[in-house]
Protein backbone atom coordinates (compact mmCIF):
# COMPACT_ATOMS: atom_id res chain seq x y z
CA MET A 1 -18.02 14.48 15.29
CA LEU A 2 -17.25 14.72 11.42
CA ILE A 3 -15.28 17.71 10.22
CA LEU A 4 -14.93 18.55 6.70
CA VAL A 5 -11.19 19.45 5.99
CA LEU A 6 -10.27 21.58 3.09
CA SER A 7 -7.21 23.65 1.64
CA ASP A 8 -6.05 25.40 -1.35
CA ILE A 9 -9.04 27.46 -2.21
CA HIS A 10 -7.84 29.97 -4.20
CA GLY A 11 -10.72 31.77 -5.49
CA ASN A 12 -12.92 29.23 -7.00
CA PHE A 13 -16.28 29.97 -5.65
CA GLN A 14 -17.82 27.66 -8.23
CA ALA A 15 -15.63 24.69 -6.77
CA LEU A 16 -16.39 25.69 -3.19
CA GLN A 17 -20.18 26.05 -3.27
CA LYS A 18 -20.04 22.72 -5.18
CA VAL A 19 -17.84 20.92 -2.23
CA ILE A 20 -20.37 22.42 0.77
CA LYS A 21 -23.45 21.16 -1.44
CA GLU A 22 -22.00 17.40 -1.86
CA SER A 23 -20.65 17.37 1.74
CA ARG A 24 -23.79 18.67 3.21
CA GLN A 25 -25.16 14.64 2.99
CA PHE A 26 -22.56 13.72 5.71
CA LYS A 27 -23.50 16.18 8.33
CA TRP A 28 -20.76 17.60 9.54
CA LYS A 29 -20.38 19.61 12.17
CA GLN A 30 -17.25 21.89 11.74
CA LEU A 31 -15.30 23.00 8.86
CA TRP A 32 -11.36 23.00 8.80
CA PHE A 33 -9.77 25.42 6.23
CA LEU A 34 -5.90 24.93 5.67
CA GLY A 35 -5.43 28.16 3.66
CA ASP A 36 -4.83 29.93 0.44
CA LEU A 37 -8.12 31.69 0.50
CA GLY A 38 -6.59 34.06 -2.41
CA GLY A 39 -4.38 33.92 -5.37
CA TYR A 40 -5.29 32.58 -8.76
CA GLY A 41 -9.06 32.58 -8.55
CA PRO A 42 -11.44 35.39 -9.37
CA ARG A 43 -13.94 35.23 -5.98
CA PRO A 44 -11.59 35.31 -3.34
CA GLU A 45 -13.93 37.66 -1.05
CA GLU A 46 -16.68 35.68 -1.54
CA CYS A 47 -15.13 32.17 -0.71
CA PHE A 48 -13.89 34.02 2.21
CA ASN A 49 -17.57 35.15 2.98
CA LEU A 50 -18.81 31.40 2.92
CA LEU A 51 -16.17 30.16 4.97
CA ARG A 52 -17.25 32.51 7.63
CA LYS A 53 -21.21 31.55 7.12
CA GLU A 54 -20.27 28.41 8.03
CA ASN A 55 -18.50 29.29 11.18
CA ALA A 56 -15.28 27.56 9.79
CA VAL A 57 -11.66 27.33 11.11
CA ILE A 58 -9.41 29.35 9.34
CA LEU A 59 -5.51 29.21 8.33
CA PRO A 60 -3.46 31.52 6.38
CA GLY A 61 -1.59 30.36 3.56
CA ASN A 62 1.42 31.62 1.68
CA HIS A 63 -0.90 33.38 -0.66
CA ASP A 64 -2.80 35.00 1.96
CA LEU A 65 -0.21 36.03 3.85
CA TYR A 66 1.45 37.76 0.99
CA LEU A 67 -1.87 39.49 0.74
CA SER A 68 -2.38 40.71 3.73
CA GLY A 69 1.54 42.37 4.00
CA GLN A 70 3.06 39.30 5.55
CA LEU A 71 5.22 37.55 3.26
CA PRO A 72 7.07 38.89 0.44
CA GLY A 73 6.51 38.55 -2.94
CA SER A 74 10.20 36.69 -3.93
CA PHE A 75 8.68 33.44 -2.68
CA PHE A 76 6.10 33.43 -5.88
CA SER A 77 6.66 32.82 -9.56
CA SER A 78 6.22 35.53 -11.65
CA GLU A 79 2.43 33.46 -12.71
CA SER A 80 1.72 33.94 -8.96
CA ILE A 81 2.35 37.25 -7.98
CA ARG A 82 0.53 38.72 -11.29
CA SER A 83 -2.24 36.94 -9.87
CA LEU A 84 -1.81 38.41 -6.61
CA ILE A 85 -1.67 41.64 -7.62
CA GLN A 86 -5.04 41.14 -9.31
CA ASN A 87 -6.01 39.65 -6.42
CA ARG A 88 -5.50 42.55 -3.96
CA GLY A 89 -8.48 44.32 -5.39
CA LEU A 90 -10.72 41.65 -4.80
CA LEU A 91 -10.25 41.02 -1.42
CA LYS A 92 -11.62 44.14 1.22
CA ARG A 93 -9.46 45.65 3.47
CA ASN A 94 -11.15 44.50 6.86
CA THR A 95 -10.73 40.95 5.07
CA LEU A 96 -7.30 41.24 4.87
CA GLU A 97 -6.70 42.22 8.69
CA LEU A 98 -8.74 39.47 9.58
CA ILE A 99 -6.50 37.10 7.75
CA LYS A 100 -3.47 39.21 9.45
CA ALA A 101 -4.78 38.23 12.60
CA ILE A 102 -4.84 34.39 12.34
CA PRO A 103 -2.22 31.89 13.85
CA LEU A 104 -0.37 30.02 11.54
CA LYS A 105 -0.65 26.95 12.96
CA GLN A 106 -3.66 25.35 15.37
CA LYS A 107 -4.87 22.35 17.23
CA ARG A 108 -8.41 21.12 17.30
CA LYS A 109 -9.66 17.83 18.21
CA GLY A 110 -5.72 16.47 19.30
CA PHE A 111 -4.68 17.57 15.44
CA THR A 112 -1.98 19.62 14.47
CA LEU A 113 -3.77 22.33 11.33
CA VAL A 114 -1.01 24.04 9.05
CA HIS A 115 -0.73 25.06 5.21
CA GLY A 116 2.68 23.84 4.26
CA SER A 117 4.37 22.07 7.58
CA PRO A 118 4.20 22.07 11.49
CA GLU A 119 7.82 22.92 10.94
CA ASN A 120 7.15 26.11 9.14
CA PRO A 121 3.85 26.52 8.27
CA ALA A 122 3.97 29.34 5.83
CA THR A 123 6.46 28.28 3.09
CA ASP A 124 7.67 25.11 3.74
CA TYR A 125 6.42 21.55 1.30
CA ILE A 126 5.64 18.11 2.38
CA LEU A 127 6.59 16.61 -0.49
CA THR A 128 8.75 13.83 -0.15
CA ASP A 129 9.24 10.94 2.65
CA ASP A 130 12.23 13.01 3.41
CA ASP A 131 9.71 15.80 4.09
CA ALA A 132 7.08 14.01 5.58
CA SER A 133 9.61 12.23 8.34
CA ASN A 134 10.95 15.71 9.23
CA ALA A 135 6.95 16.86 9.85
CA PHE A 136 6.22 13.94 12.07
CA SER A 137 9.15 15.02 14.40
CA SER A 138 7.59 18.58 14.32
CA PHE A 139 4.28 18.31 16.05
CA ASP A 140 3.13 16.24 18.99
CA GLY A 141 0.16 13.68 18.77
CA ARG A 142 -1.29 11.51 16.49
CA GLY A 143 -1.97 13.45 12.82
CA CYS A 144 -1.61 16.70 11.32
CA PHE A 145 -3.80 18.24 8.48
CA PHE A 146 -1.92 20.07 5.69
CA GLY A 147 -1.80 21.58 2.31
CA HIS A 148 0.06 23.80 0.24
CA THR A 149 1.31 20.86 -2.69
CA HIS A 150 -2.39 20.83 -4.09
CA ILE A 151 -2.31 16.92 -4.03
CA GLN A 152 -4.44 14.46 -1.93
CA GLU A 153 -2.57 12.26 -0.43
CA TYR A 154 -1.55 11.11 3.12
CA PHE A 155 1.78 9.80 5.05
CA ILE A 156 1.54 7.03 7.62
CA GLN A 157 4.40 6.87 10.08
CA GLY A 158 5.96 3.56 10.58
CA ALA A 159 8.69 1.52 12.41
CA ARG A 160 10.71 1.76 8.93
CA GLY A 161 10.15 5.29 8.18
CA CYS A 162 7.25 6.56 5.87
CA GLU A 163 4.24 5.13 4.00
CA ARG A 164 2.91 7.42 1.31
CA PHE A 165 -0.74 6.97 -0.28
CA ARG A 166 -3.01 8.70 -3.02
CA PRO A 167 -6.35 7.80 -2.06
CA SER A 168 -9.30 7.52 -4.68
CA ASN A 169 -12.25 9.39 -4.56
CA GLY A 170 -14.31 7.40 -1.52
CA ASP A 171 -11.42 5.36 0.20
CA VAL A 172 -11.45 5.33 3.82
CA LEU A 173 -8.29 5.80 5.87
CA SER A 174 -8.31 4.24 9.84
CA TYR A 175 -5.89 5.88 11.86
CA ARG A 176 -6.31 3.70 14.92
CA LYS A 177 -2.96 3.31 16.38
CA LYS A 178 -1.06 5.19 13.46
CA ARG A 179 0.57 8.88 13.20
CA ILE A 180 -0.64 10.32 9.76
CA LEU A 181 -0.20 13.30 7.88
CA ILE A 182 -3.20 14.03 5.77
CA ASN A 183 -3.43 16.42 2.77
CA PRO A 184 -7.42 16.85 1.63
CA GLY A 185 -6.01 18.08 -1.50
CA SER A 186 -7.11 21.73 -3.45
CA ILE A 187 -10.49 22.67 -3.28
CA GLY A 188 -9.77 25.17 -6.26
CA GLN A 189 -6.54 24.12 -8.50
CA PRO A 190 -5.69 20.26 -8.01
CA ARG A 191 -2.41 19.33 -9.02
CA ASP A 192 -2.58 15.85 -9.28
CA ARG A 193 -4.09 15.46 -12.80
CA ASP A 194 -7.45 15.07 -11.29
CA PRO A 195 -9.26 18.54 -12.02
CA ARG A 196 -11.88 17.52 -9.34
CA ALA A 197 -12.07 19.70 -6.67
CA ALA A 198 -10.58 17.56 -3.37
CA TRP A 199 -11.68 17.33 0.12
CA CYS A 200 -12.28 15.02 3.00
CA ILE A 201 -14.25 14.22 6.14
CA LEU A 202 -12.55 13.03 9.16
CA ASP A 203 -14.52 11.29 11.46
CA THR A 204 -13.04 11.48 15.26
CA ARG A 205 -15.55 8.84 16.56
CA ARG A 206 -14.73 6.13 14.47
CA LYS A 207 -11.07 7.41 14.18
CA GLU A 208 -11.39 7.77 10.12
CA VAL A 209 -10.82 9.99 7.14
CA ARG A 210 -12.61 9.37 4.14
CA PHE A 211 -11.39 11.02 1.13
CA PHE A 212 -13.55 12.72 -1.88
CA ARG A 213 -13.88 14.68 -4.95
CA SER A 214 -16.23 16.45 -6.48
CA GLU A 215 -16.77 17.53 -10.34
CA TYR A 216 -17.92 21.40 -10.58
CA ASP A 217 -18.50 23.98 -13.61
CA ILE A 218 -14.52 24.15 -14.26
CA LYS A 219 -15.79 26.36 -17.72
CA ALA A 220 -17.69 29.42 -15.41
CA THR A 221 -14.73 29.68 -13.42
CA GLN A 222 -12.17 30.25 -16.12
CA LYS A 223 -14.76 32.10 -17.75
CA GLU A 224 -14.52 34.45 -14.66
CA MET A 225 -10.87 34.19 -14.54
CA ARG A 226 -10.89 35.36 -18.42
CA LYS A 227 -12.94 38.68 -17.38
CA LEU A 228 -10.24 39.04 -14.84
CA GLY A 229 -7.47 38.91 -16.85
CA SER A 230 -5.39 35.66 -16.07
CA SER A 231 -3.26 34.21 -18.26
CA ASP A 232 -3.93 31.52 -20.27
CA PHE A 233 -1.72 28.83 -18.28
CA LEU A 234 -3.68 29.68 -14.90
CA ILE A 235 -6.95 29.30 -17.06
CA GLU A 236 -6.47 26.14 -18.94
CA ARG A 237 -4.57 24.41 -16.33
CA LEU A 238 -8.01 23.77 -14.21
CA GLU A 239 -9.24 21.39 -16.53
CA LYS A 240 -6.01 19.52 -16.52
CA GLY A 241 -5.38 19.43 -13.03
CA ILE A 242 -1.92 20.37 -13.34
């Protein structure tokens, strides 16, 4: 089975639409979304509706948990809180109630799905080799998909510890006889100095993951953010991939 895996859309409807369109060539059968529908971007409700239209498996991210009243503001930076307050008026009450009911960790096709880490899905980051080592000890099975860092990368568990890799567009990872942690990267706000939307395709039959980047109309999203009243920092970072 082919599965489209996405994370960290952050209300960037332009980017999400482009990735859905480009990924159609693979004729994927499922869509897994690893969280952070809202925050930063201007169109979280439209993003949520598109995911539901695609019958996506949806996990809540830390931004979504704040918006739905499940995570305190002390976890966030001042820039994040400002954008989240703006986002509250962009999401319908019914959408927030649906988010409240979603479990923080799910298991699909033998993979653990989380936003942050398998140990603490809502808040922890997997940023270092030590983080990855802790994560590997916190789930059963061959692999775990995570987001939260906005960086497209993967870790492989070996006898001597973890190996970390940053794939290029089109790279393929075979996970036969391996334990892996995979971050598909961010759709709406990449932070690896590549502004293109990041995503991946999981092939459960071949036991492969293929990584991709998609160009989208960044200026259109920036225009919507200016209209919303977003800060210059949040607007400008989109084109820089930071």
